[in-house]
Amino acid sequence: MSRPPFPQIPPPTPLAPACGSCTLVGAGPGDPELLTLKALKAIRAATVLFVDDLVSEAIVAQAAPTARIVHVGKRGGCKSTPQAFIEKLMRMAVHAGENVVRLKGGDPFIFGRGGEEVESLRAAGIAVHVINGITAGLAGLTALGAPLTHRAHAHGVVFVTGHAKPGDAAIDWRQLAATARAARLTLVIYMGVSGAAGIEQELLAGGLPADTPVAIIENASLPRQRHAVTTLHALHATILREGLGSPAVIVVGDVVRGVAAQAEAAGSHASREQPFSTWA
């Protein structure tokens, strides 16, 4: 018997007339100007917002003055609100007739646990709407003036988490490296700073060249954004030297080469405004 597709999300059940509504909203990487119009409309219409730790204050400020703001921070390596409790709060608010917005950094369906929350809410008979946001992996490299794909340099892109869920099998970085090299893929690694030493070692062992360009972008799109451009064999050392930390994304692949060339020519890190035009 073949295995059923995963995930299996139950279809929404019609809401009772007295119930409220629930929308998962992607807040993007942090810059409020990167919000979609649909996201902004939902934020302003909400009566209760459950807000992730990585959502910027400038975006939270778009909510109505009468809205209740509930911070339910979730950040790797820090004390976080349990996922089951967040889902319970959301269900209670909807059943109380509130117009609920679950405000998430980036996109709800890219490492945002949006799938888990949709499953939980729909199982409780609550219809859920989802509004996409710009994910940090895209915004970060765009801020450096580089694309994730390029006809001459990268035929695809892989978004991957830097650490697996507790109890799950570890990510096979060697296999991923071999696939990325053979298919000419860009790797975008989320939540990978703390495990950068192991990721570097395994990607090299999997066959990615030591001089593969790498960019590390911290606080993508925000005024306090910082970044470094290096090569794969120096990934961990660069993170330590520059003092880079979470939230950050690591981009591995030849699409970074243009940024690296510009940085070398300038004698420093490339500015956010420099165009993507130079290839080594």
C-alpha atoms as a PDB file:
ATOM      1  CA  MET A   1       0.000   0.000   0.000  1.00  0.00           C
ATOM      2  CA  SER A   2       1.419   3.367  -0.996  1.00  0.00           C
ATOM      3  CA  ARG A   3       1.929   5.992   1.686  1.00  0.00           C
ATOM      4  CA  PRO A   4      -0.510   8.926   1.702  1.00  0.00           C
ATOM      5  CA  PRO A   5       0.863  12.305   0.655  1.00  0.00           C
ATOM      6  CA  PHE A   6       2.212  14.528   3.432  1.00  0.00           C
ATOM      7  CA  PRO A   7       1.041  16.775   4.909  1.00  0.00           C
ATOM      8  CA  GLN A   8      -2.630  15.871   4.954  1.00  0.00           C
ATOM      9  CA  ILE A   9      -4.462  19.078   5.855  1.00  0.00           C
ATOM     10  CA  PRO A  10      -8.155  18.549   6.544  1.00  0.00           C
ATOM     11  CA  PRO A  11     -10.508  20.697   4.458  1.00  0.00           C
ATOM     12  CA  PRO A  12     -11.965  23.732   6.214  1.00  0.00           C
ATOM     13  CA  THR A  13     -15.279  23.317   7.993  1.00  0.00           C
ATOM     14  CA  PRO A  14     -17.799  26.186   7.662  1.00  0.00           C
ATOM     15  CA  LEU A  15     -17.724  28.502  10.644  1.00  0.00           C
ATOM     16  CA  ALA A  16     -20.690  28.962  12.904  1.00  0.00           C
ATOM     17  CA  PRO A  17     -22.253  32.443  12.574  1.00  0.00           C
ATOM     18  CA  ALA A  18     -21.073  33.484  16.041  1.00  0.00           C
ATOM     19  CA  CYS A  19     -17.423  32.624  15.364  1.00  0.00           C
ATOM     20  CA  GLY A  20     -14.705  35.013  14.373  1.00  0.00           C
ATOM     21  CA  SER A  21     -12.091  34.557  11.674  1.00  0.00           C
ATOM     22  CA  CYS A  22      -8.443  33.627  11.425  1.00  0.00           C
ATOM     23  CA  THR A  23      -5.770  34.678   8.946  1.00  0.00           C
ATOM     24  CA  LEU A  24      -2.113  33.687   8.887  1.00  0.00           C
ATOM     25  CA  VAL A  25      -0.201  36.709   7.605  1.00  0.00           C
ATOM     26  CA  GLY A  26       3.380  36.767   6.369  1.00  0.00           C
ATOM     27  CA  ALA A  27       5.023  39.918   7.673  1.00  0.00           C
ATOM     28  CA  GLY A  28       8.009  39.555   5.377  1.00  0.00           C
ATOM     29  CA  PRO A  29      11.626  40.032   6.500  1.00  0.00           C
ATOM     30  CA  GLY A  30      10.968  43.157   8.558  1.00  0.00           C
ATOM     31  CA  ASP A  31      10.819  46.206   6.304  1.00  0.00           C
ATOM     32  CA  PRO A  32       7.172  47.385   6.427  1.00  0.00           C
ATOM     33  CA  GLU A  33       7.413  48.578   2.829  1.00  0.00           C
ATOM     34  CA  LEU A  34       7.774  44.922   1.786  1.00  0.00           C
ATOM     35  CA  LEU A  35       4.335  44.019   3.149  1.00  0.00           C
ATOM     36  CA  THR A  36       1.770  43.084   0.534  1.00  0.00           C
ATOM     37  CA  LEU A  37      -1.344  45.241   0.313  1.00  0.00           C
ATOM     38  CA  LYS A  38      -3.438  42.237   1.312  1.00  0.00           C
ATOM     39  CA  ALA A  39      -1.293  41.668   4.401  1.00  0.00           C
ATOM     40  CA  LEU A  40      -1.568  45.311   5.426  1.00  0.00           C
ATOM     41  CA  LYS A  41      -5.343  45.227   5.027  1.00  0.00           C
ATOM     42  CA  ALA A  42      -5.601  42.112   7.209  1.00  0.00           C
ATOM     43  CA  ILE A  43      -3.348  43.571   9.918  1.00  0.00           C
ATOM     44  CA  ARG A  44      -5.397  46.753  10.111  1.00  0.00           C
ATOM     45  CA  ALA A  45      -8.680  44.819  10.287  1.00  0.00           C
ATOM     46  CA  ALA A  46      -7.582  42.478  13.091  1.00  0.00           C
ATOM     47  CA  THR A  47      -9.018  42.722  16.597  1.00  0.00           C
ATOM     48  CA  VAL A  48      -6.370  40.369  18.021  1.00  0.00           C
ATOM     49  CA  LEU A  49      -2.866  39.758  16.663  1.00  0.00           C
ATOM     50  CA  PHE A  50      -0.643  36.905  17.793  1.00  0.00           C
ATOM     51  CA  VAL A  51       2.815  38.171  16.868  1.00  0.00           C
ATOM     52  CA  ASP A  52       6.041  36.248  16.342  1.00  0.00           C
ATOM     53  CA  ASP A  53       9.271  37.466  17.875  1.00  0.00           C
ATOM     54  CA  LEU A  54      10.853  38.302  14.507  1.00  0.00           C
ATOM     55  CA  VAL A  55       8.092  40.675  13.357  1.00  0.00           C
ATOM     56  CA  SER A  56       9.373  44.247  13.449  1.00  0.00           C
ATOM     57  CA  GLU A  57       7.736  46.898  15.614  1.00  0.00           C
ATOM     58  CA  ALA A  58       7.145  49.038  12.532  1.00  0.00           C
ATOM     59  CA  ILE A  59       4.861  46.322  11.178  1.00  0.00           C
ATOM     60  CA  VAL A  60       3.062  45.732  14.480  1.00  0.00           C
ATOM     61  CA  ALA A  61       2.412  49.483  14.560  1.00  0.00           C
ATOM     62  CA  GLN A  62       0.181  49.078  11.492  1.00  0.00           C
ATOM     63  CA  ALA A  63      -2.475  47.395  13.649  1.00  0.00           C
ATOM     64  CA  ALA A  64      -5.550  49.330  14.749  1.00  0.00           C
ATOM     65  CA  PRO A  65      -5.125  51.229  18.046  1.00  0.00           C
ATOM     66  CA  THR A  66      -7.933  49.153  19.562  1.00  0.00           C
ATOM     67  CA  ALA A  67      -6.414  45.797  18.560  1.00  0.00           C
ATOM     68  CA  ARG A  68      -4.982  43.488  21.202  1.00  0.00           C
ATOM     69  CA  ILE A  69      -1.346  42.562  20.561  1.00  0.00           C
ATOM     70  CA  VAL A  70      -0.239  39.220  21.992  1.00  0.00           C
ATOM     71  CA  HIS A  71       3.473  38.455  21.619  1.00  0.00           C
ATOM     72  CA  VAL A  72       4.098  34.733  21.218  1.00  0.00           C
ATOM     73  CA  GLY A  73       7.806  34.758  20.500  1.00  0.00           C
ATOM     74  CA  LYS A  74       9.483  31.758  18.896  1.00  0.00           C
ATOM     75  CA  ARG A  75      13.195  31.910  18.208  1.00  0.00           C
ATOM     76  CA  GLY A  76      15.649  29.034  18.018  1.00  0.00           C
ATOM     77  CA  GLY A  77      17.837  28.679  21.092  1.00  0.00           C
ATOM     78  CA  CYS A  78      15.677  31.001  23.196  1.00  0.00           C
ATOM     79  CA  LYS A  79      12.744  30.508  25.533  1.00  0.00           C
ATOM     80  CA  SER A  80       9.660  30.266  23.340  1.00  0.00           C
ATOM     81  CA  THR A  81       5.914  30.056  23.691  1.00  0.00           C
ATOM     82  CA  PRO A  82       4.924  26.378  23.187  1.00  0.00           C
ATOM     83  CA  GLN A  83       3.388  25.789  19.769  1.00  0.00           C
ATOM     84  CA  ALA A  84       0.402  23.901  21.207  1.00  0.00           C
ATOM     85  CA  PHE A  85      -0.381  26.838  23.515  1.00  0.00           C
ATOM     86  CA  ILE A  86      -0.266  29.326  20.621  1.00  0.00           C
ATOM     87  CA  GLU A  87      -2.728  27.188  18.683  1.00  0.00           C
ATOM     88  CA  LYS A  88      -5.007  26.965  21.718  1.00  0.00           C
ATOM     89  CA  LEU A  89      -4.992  30.757  22.118  1.00  0.00           C
ATOM     90  CA  MET A  90      -5.888  31.185  18.464  1.00  0.00           C
ATOM     91  CA  ARG A  91      -8.796  28.743  18.691  1.00  0.00           C
ATOM     92  CA  MET A  92     -10.131  30.439  21.820  1.00  0.00           C
ATOM     93  CA  ALA A  93      -9.967  33.888  20.229  1.00  0.00           C
ATOM     94  CA  VAL A  94     -11.800  32.768  17.097  1.00  0.00           C
ATOM     95  CA  HIS A  95     -14.521  31.059  19.147  1.00  0.00           C
ATOM     96  CA  ALA A  96     -14.859  34.308  21.113  1.00  0.00           C
ATOM     97  CA  GLY A  97     -15.717  36.112  17.880  1.00  0.00           C
ATOM     98  CA  GLU A  98     -12.398  37.879  17.334  1.00  0.00           C
ATOM     99  CA  ASN A  99     -10.896  38.727  13.954  1.00  0.00           C
ATOM    100  CA  VAL A 100      -7.600  36.940  14.543  1.00  0.00           C
ATOM    101  CA  VAL A 101      -4.347  37.560  12.667  1.00  0.00           C
ATOM    102  CA  ARG A 102      -1.397  35.288  13.301  1.00  0.00           C
ATOM    103  CA  LEU A 103       1.485  37.531  12.266  1.00  0.00           C
ATOM    104  CA  LYS A 104       4.618  35.671  11.243  1.00  0.00           C
ATOM    105  CA  GLY A 105       8.022  36.794  10.063  1.00  0.00           C
ATOM    106  CA  GLY A 106       8.754  35.990   6.429  1.00  0.00           C
ATOM    107  CA  ASP A 107       6.205  33.632   4.900  1.00  0.00           C
ATOM    108  CA  PRO A 108       3.907  31.453   7.052  1.00  0.00           C
ATOM    109  CA  PHE A 109       4.548  28.400   4.893  1.00  0.00           C
ATOM    110  CA  ILE A 110       8.359  28.634   4.729  1.00  0.00           C
ATOM    111  CA  PHE A 111       9.753  27.468   8.086  1.00  0.00           C
ATOM    112  CA  GLY A 112       6.987  29.388   9.833  1.00  0.00           C
ATOM    113  CA  ARG A 113       5.006  26.443  11.249  1.00  0.00           C
ATOM    114  CA  GLY A 114       2.059  27.685   9.262  1.00  0.00           C
ATOM    115  CA  GLY A 115       1.213  24.164   8.149  1.00  0.00           C
ATOM    116  CA  GLU A 116       0.953  22.977  11.765  1.00  0.00           C
ATOM    117  CA  GLU A 117      -1.337  25.843  12.686  1.00  0.00           C
ATOM    118  CA  VAL A 118      -3.576  25.365   9.662  1.00  0.00           C
ATOM    119  CA  GLU A 119      -3.933  21.672  10.523  1.00  0.00           C
ATOM    120  CA  SER A 120      -4.828  22.455  14.135  1.00  0.00           C
ATOM    121  CA  LEU A 121      -7.359  25.159  13.295  1.00  0.00           C
ATOM    122  CA  ARG A 122      -9.082  23.246  10.525  1.00  0.00           C
ATOM    123  CA  ALA A 123      -9.322  20.158  12.735  1.00  0.00           C
ATOM    124  CA  ALA A 124     -11.224  22.394  15.186  1.00  0.00           C
ATOM    125  CA  GLY A 125     -13.647  23.453  12.446  1.00  0.00           C
ATOM    126  CA  ILE A 126     -12.065  26.866  11.900  1.00  0.00           C
ATOM    127  CA  ALA A 127     -11.553  28.130   8.357  1.00  0.00           C
ATOM    128  CA  VAL A 128      -8.112  29.658   7.859  1.00  0.00           C
ATOM    129  CA  HIS A 129      -6.895  32.125   5.270  1.00  0.00           C
ATOM    130  CA  VAL A 130      -3.193  32.490   4.471  1.00  0.00           C
ATOM    131  CA  ILE A 131      -1.482  35.585   3.091  1.00  0.00           C
ATOM    132  CA  ASN A 132       2.037  35.048   1.815  1.00  0.00           C
ATOM    133  CA  GLY A 133       4.993  37.227   2.717  1.00  0.00           C
ATOM    134  CA  ILE A 134       8.463  37.725   1.269  1.00  0.00           C
ATOM    135  CA  THR A 135      10.785  35.184   2.838  1.00  0.00           C
ATOM    136  CA  ALA A 136      14.110  36.317   4.311  1.00  0.00           C
ATOM    137  CA  GLY A 137      16.108  34.056   2.020  1.00  0.00           C
ATOM    138  CA  LEU A 138      14.883  36.003  -0.979  1.00  0.00           C
ATOM    139  CA  ALA A 139      14.972  39.451   0.631  1.00  0.00           C
ATOM    140  CA  GLY A 140      18.455  38.961   2.042  1.00  0.00           C
ATOM    141  CA  LEU A 141      20.237  38.234  -1.212  1.00  0.00           C
ATOM    142  CA  THR A 142      18.115  40.773  -3.084  1.00  0.00           C
ATOM    143  CA  ALA A 143      19.350  43.400  -0.625  1.00  0.00           C
ATOM    144  CA  LEU A 144      22.866  42.629  -1.850  1.00  0.00           C
ATOM    145  CA  GLY A 145      21.795  43.056  -5.453  1.00  0.00           C
ATOM    146  CA  ALA A 146      21.956  39.353  -6.368  1.00  0.00           C
ATOM    147  CA  PRO A 147      19.313  36.845  -7.527  1.00  0.00           C
ATOM    148  CA  LEU A 148      18.686  33.349  -6.206  1.00  0.00           C
ATOM    149  CA  THR A 149      18.509  31.928  -9.733  1.00  0.00           C
ATOM    150  CA  HIS A 150      20.329  32.927 -12.882  1.00  0.00           C
ATOM    151  CA  ARG A 151      20.243  31.209 -16.254  1.00  0.00           C
ATOM    152  CA  ALA A 152      24.032  31.102 -16.456  1.00  0.00           C
ATOM    153  CA  HIS A 153      24.810  30.281 -12.827  1.00  0.00           C
ATOM    154  CA  ALA A 154      21.929  28.639 -10.920  1.00  0.00           C
ATOM    155  CA  HIS A 155      19.118  26.553 -12.352  1.00  0.00           C
ATOM    156  CA  GLY A 156      17.148  26.318  -9.124  1.00  0.00           C
ATOM    157  CA  VAL A 157      17.081  27.064  -5.419  1.00  0.00           C
ATOM    158  CA  VAL A 158      16.658  24.950  -2.296  1.00  0.00           C
ATOM    159  CA  PHE A 159      15.319  26.380   0.965  1.00  0.00           C
ATOM    160  CA  VAL A 160      16.542  24.227   3.858  1.00  0.00           C
ATOM    161  CA  THR A 161      16.542  24.535   7.635  1.00  0.00           C
ATOM    162  CA  GLY A 162      19.874  24.477   9.416  1.00  0.00           C
ATOM    163  CA  HIS A 163      18.615  22.105  12.080  1.00  0.00           C
ATOM    164  CA  ALA A 164      16.071  19.321  12.085  1.00  0.00           C
ATOM    165  CA  LYS A 165      13.116  18.979  14.438  1.00  0.00           C
ATOM    166  CA  PRO A 166      14.126  17.173  17.648  1.00  0.00           C
ATOM    167  CA  GLY A 167      13.723  13.454  17.090  1.00  0.00           C
ATOM    168  CA  ASP A 168      13.896  13.703  13.299  1.00  0.00           C
ATOM    169  CA  ALA A 169      16.750  12.363  11.205  1.00  0.00           C
ATOM    170  CA  ALA A 170      19.621  14.793  10.685  1.00  0.00           C
ATOM    171  CA  ILE A 171      19.819  16.648   7.390  1.00  0.00           C
ATOM    172  CA  ASP A 172      22.023  14.848   4.878  1.00  0.00           C
ATOM    173  CA  TRP A 173      24.236  17.788   3.959  1.00  0.00           C
ATOM    174  CA  ARG A 174      26.563  15.614   1.887  1.00  0.00           C
ATOM    175  CA  GLN A 175      23.753  14.435  -0.342  1.00  0.00           C
ATOM    176  CA  LEU A 176      22.427  17.981  -0.597  1.00  0.00           C
ATOM    177  CA  ALA A 177      25.873  19.227  -1.603  1.00  0.00           C
ATOM    178  CA  ALA A 178      26.205  16.587  -4.296  1.00  0.00           C
ATOM    179  CA  THR A 179      22.760  17.422  -5.671  1.00  0.00           C
ATOM    180  CA  ALA A 180      23.411  21.160  -5.590  1.00  0.00           C
ATOM    181  CA  ARG A 181      26.685  20.738  -7.461  1.00  0.00           C
ATOM    182  CA  ALA A 182      25.247  18.398 -10.089  1.00  0.00           C
ATOM    183  CA  ALA A 183      22.086  20.439 -10.705  1.00  0.00           C
ATOM    184  CA  ARG A 184      23.654  23.891 -10.176  1.00  0.00           C
ATOM    185  CA  LEU A 185      21.381  24.886  -7.311  1.00  0.00           C
ATOM    186  CA  THR A 186      21.559  27.750  -4.838  1.00  0.00           C
ATOM    187  CA  LEU A 187      21.272  26.669  -1.199  1.00  0.00           C
ATOM    188  CA  VAL A 188      19.444  29.015   1.171  1.00  0.00           C
ATOM    189  CA  ILE A 189      19.948  27.875   4.756  1.00  0.00           C
ATOM    190  CA  TYR A 190      17.671  29.186   7.501  1.00  0.00           C
ATOM    191  CA  MET A 191      18.575  28.948  11.197  1.00  0.00           C
ATOM    192  CA  GLY A 192      22.033  27.701  10.318  1.00  0.00           C
ATOM    193  CA  VAL A 193      24.362  30.096  12.138  1.00  0.00           C
ATOM    194  CA  SER A 194      24.726  28.022  15.297  1.00  0.00           C
ATOM    195  CA  GLY A 195      25.512  24.893  13.280  1.00  0.00           C
ATOM    196  CA  ALA A 196      27.648  26.579  10.640  1.00  0.00           C
ATOM    197  CA  ALA A 197      30.814  24.656  11.490  1.00  0.00           C
ATOM    198  CA  GLY A 198      29.162  21.304  10.883  1.00  0.00           C
ATOM    199  CA  ILE A 199      27.296  22.516   7.806  1.00  0.00           C
ATOM    200  CA  GLU A 200      30.539  23.807   6.292  1.00  0.00           C
ATOM    201  CA  GLN A 201      32.318  20.520   6.965  1.00  0.00           C
ATOM    202  CA  GLU A 202      29.546  18.362   5.547  1.00  0.00           C
ATOM    203  CA  LEU A 203      28.970  20.459   2.420  1.00  0.00           C
ATOM    204  CA  LEU A 204      32.689  20.261   1.656  1.00  0.00           C
ATOM    205  CA  ALA A 205      32.666  16.525   2.275  1.00  0.00           C
ATOM    206  CA  GLY A 206      29.712  16.240  -0.105  1.00  0.00           C
ATOM    207  CA  GLY A 207      31.693  17.709  -2.959  1.00  0.00           C
ATOM    208  CA  LEU A 208      31.026  21.456  -3.018  1.00  0.00           C
ATOM    209  CA  PRO A 209      34.294  23.250  -3.862  1.00  0.00           C
ATOM    210  CA  ALA A 210      36.036  25.080  -1.033  1.00  0.00           C
ATOM    211  CA  ASP A 211      35.879  28.335  -3.019  1.00  0.00           C
ATOM    212  CA  THR A 212      32.077  28.188  -3.458  1.00  0.00           C
ATOM    213  CA  PRO A 213      30.830  31.724  -2.706  1.00  0.00           C
ATOM    214  CA  VAL A 214      28.750  32.200   0.455  1.00  0.00           C
ATOM    215  CA  ALA A 215      26.815  35.151   1.835  1.00  0.00           C
ATOM    216  CA  ILE A 216      25.578  35.455   5.417  1.00  0.00           C
ATOM    217  CA  ILE A 217      22.836  38.066   5.881  1.00  0.00           C
ATOM    218  CA  GLU A 218      21.694  39.081   9.343  1.00  0.00           C
ATOM    219  CA  ASN A 219      18.442  41.019   9.899  1.00  0.00           C
ATOM    220  CA  ALA A 220      17.637  41.088   6.191  1.00  0.00           C
ATOM    221  CA  SER A 221      15.937  44.274   4.909  1.00  0.00           C
ATOM    222  CA  LEU A 222      16.113  46.092   8.242  1.00  0.00           C
ATOM    223  CA  PRO A 223      18.163  49.243   8.896  1.00  0.00           C
ATOM    224  CA  ARG A 224      20.449  47.148  11.142  1.00  0.00           C
ATOM    225  CA  GLN A 225      21.102  44.582   8.397  1.00  0.00           C
ATOM    226  CA  ARG A 226      24.673  43.286   8.297  1.00  0.00           C
ATOM    227  CA  HIS A 227      26.259  40.804   5.944  1.00  0.00           C
ATOM    228  CA  ALA A 228      29.507  39.146   5.006  1.00  0.00           C
ATOM    229  CA  VAL A 229      30.619  37.510   1.770  1.00  0.00           C
ATOM    230  CA  THR A 230      33.101  34.678   1.944  1.00  0.00           C
ATOM    231  CA  THR A 231      33.779  31.180   0.613  1.00  0.00           C
ATOM    232  CA  LEU A 232      32.524  27.856   1.896  1.00  0.00           C
ATOM    233  CA  HIS A 233      35.770  26.770   3.559  1.00  0.00           C
ATOM    234  CA  ALA A 234      35.736  30.017   5.608  1.00  0.00           C
ATOM    235  CA  LEU A 235      32.024  30.091   6.482  1.00  0.00           C
ATOM    236  CA  HIS A 236      32.292  29.351  10.192  1.00  0.00           C
ATOM    237  CA  ALA A 237      35.415  31.472  10.690  1.00  0.00           C
ATOM    238  CA  THR A 238      33.733  34.438   8.974  1.00  0.00           C
ATOM    239  CA  ILE A 239      30.646  34.205  11.185  1.00  0.00           C
ATOM    240  CA  LEU A 240      32.853  34.232  14.282  1.00  0.00           C
ATOM    241  CA  ARG A 241      35.108  37.035  13.028  1.00  0.00           C
ATOM    242  CA  GLU A 242      32.208  39.295  12.022  1.00  0.00           C
ATOM    243  CA  GLY A 243      30.100  38.470  15.070  1.00  0.00           C
ATOM    244  CA  LEU A 244      27.089  37.531  12.950  1.00  0.00           C
ATOM    245  CA  GLY A 245      24.139  35.885  14.656  1.00  0.00           C
ATOM    246  CA  SER A 246      20.469  35.039  14.393  1.00  0.00           C
ATOM    247  CA  PRO A 247      18.234  35.892  12.685  1.00  0.00           C
ATOM    248  CA  ALA A 248      20.331  35.243   9.620  1.00  0.00           C
ATOM    249  CA  VAL A 249      20.264  33.298   6.381  1.00  0.00           C
ATOM    250  CA  ILE A 250      23.216  31.650   4.676  1.00  0.00           C
ATOM    251  CA  VAL A 251      23.246  31.575   0.875  1.00  0.00           C
ATOM    252  CA  VAL A 252      25.616  29.148  -0.825  1.00  0.00           C
ATOM    253  CA  GLY A 253      26.233  29.104  -4.559  1.00  0.00           C
ATOM    254  CA  ASP A 254      27.616  30.803  -7.624  1.00  0.00           C
ATOM    255  CA  VAL A 255      24.918  33.497  -7.589  1.00  0.00           C
ATOM    256  CA  VAL A 256      26.885  35.058  -4.722  1.00  0.00           C
ATOM    257  CA  ARG A 257      29.996  35.358  -6.901  1.00  0.00           C
ATOM    258  CA  GLY A 258      28.976  38.736  -8.308  1.00  0.00           C
ATOM    259  CA  VAL A 259      28.582  40.192  -4.819  1.00  0.00           C
ATOM    260  CA  ALA A 260      31.941  38.735  -3.805  1.00  0.00           C
ATOM    261  CA  ALA A 261      33.640  40.299  -6.809  1.00  0.00           C
ATOM    262  CA  GLN A 262      32.153  43.690  -6.006  1.00  0.00           C
ATOM    263  CA  ALA A 263      33.208  43.403  -2.379  1.00  0.00           C
ATOM    264  CA  GLU A 264      36.754  42.521  -3.387  1.00  0.00           C
ATOM    265  CA  ALA A 265      36.910  45.422  -5.828  1.00  0.00           C
ATOM    266  CA  ALA A 266      35.655  47.836  -3.196  1.00  0.00           C
ATOM    267  CA  GLY A 267      37.965  46.455  -0.529  1.00  0.00           C
ATOM    268  CA  SER A 268      35.009  45.922   1.822  1.00  0.00           C
ATOM    269  CA  HIS A 269      31.577  44.342   1.958  1.00  0.00           C
ATOM    270  CA  ALA A 270      29.271  45.244  -0.926  1.00  0.00           C
ATOM    271  CA  SER A 271      26.696  47.923  -0.187  1.00  0.00           C
ATOM    272  CA  ARG A 272      22.963  47.195  -0.285  1.00  0.00           C
ATOM    273  CA  GLU A 273      22.560  49.442  -3.319  1.00  0.00           C
ATOM    274  CA  GLN A 274      25.189  47.899  -5.599  1.00  0.00           C
ATOM    275  CA  PRO A 275      23.759  46.194  -8.705  1.00  0.00           C
ATOM    276  CA  PHE A 276      24.332  42.562  -9.507  1.00  0.00           C
ATOM    277  CA  SER A 277      26.581  42.900 -12.521  1.00  0.00           C
ATOM    278  CA  THR A 278      30.067  41.521 -11.885  1.00  0.00           C
ATOM    279  CA  TRP A 279      31.014  37.868 -12.180  1.00  0.00           C
ATOM    280  CA  ALA A 280      34.418  36.486 -11.246  1.00  0.00           C
END
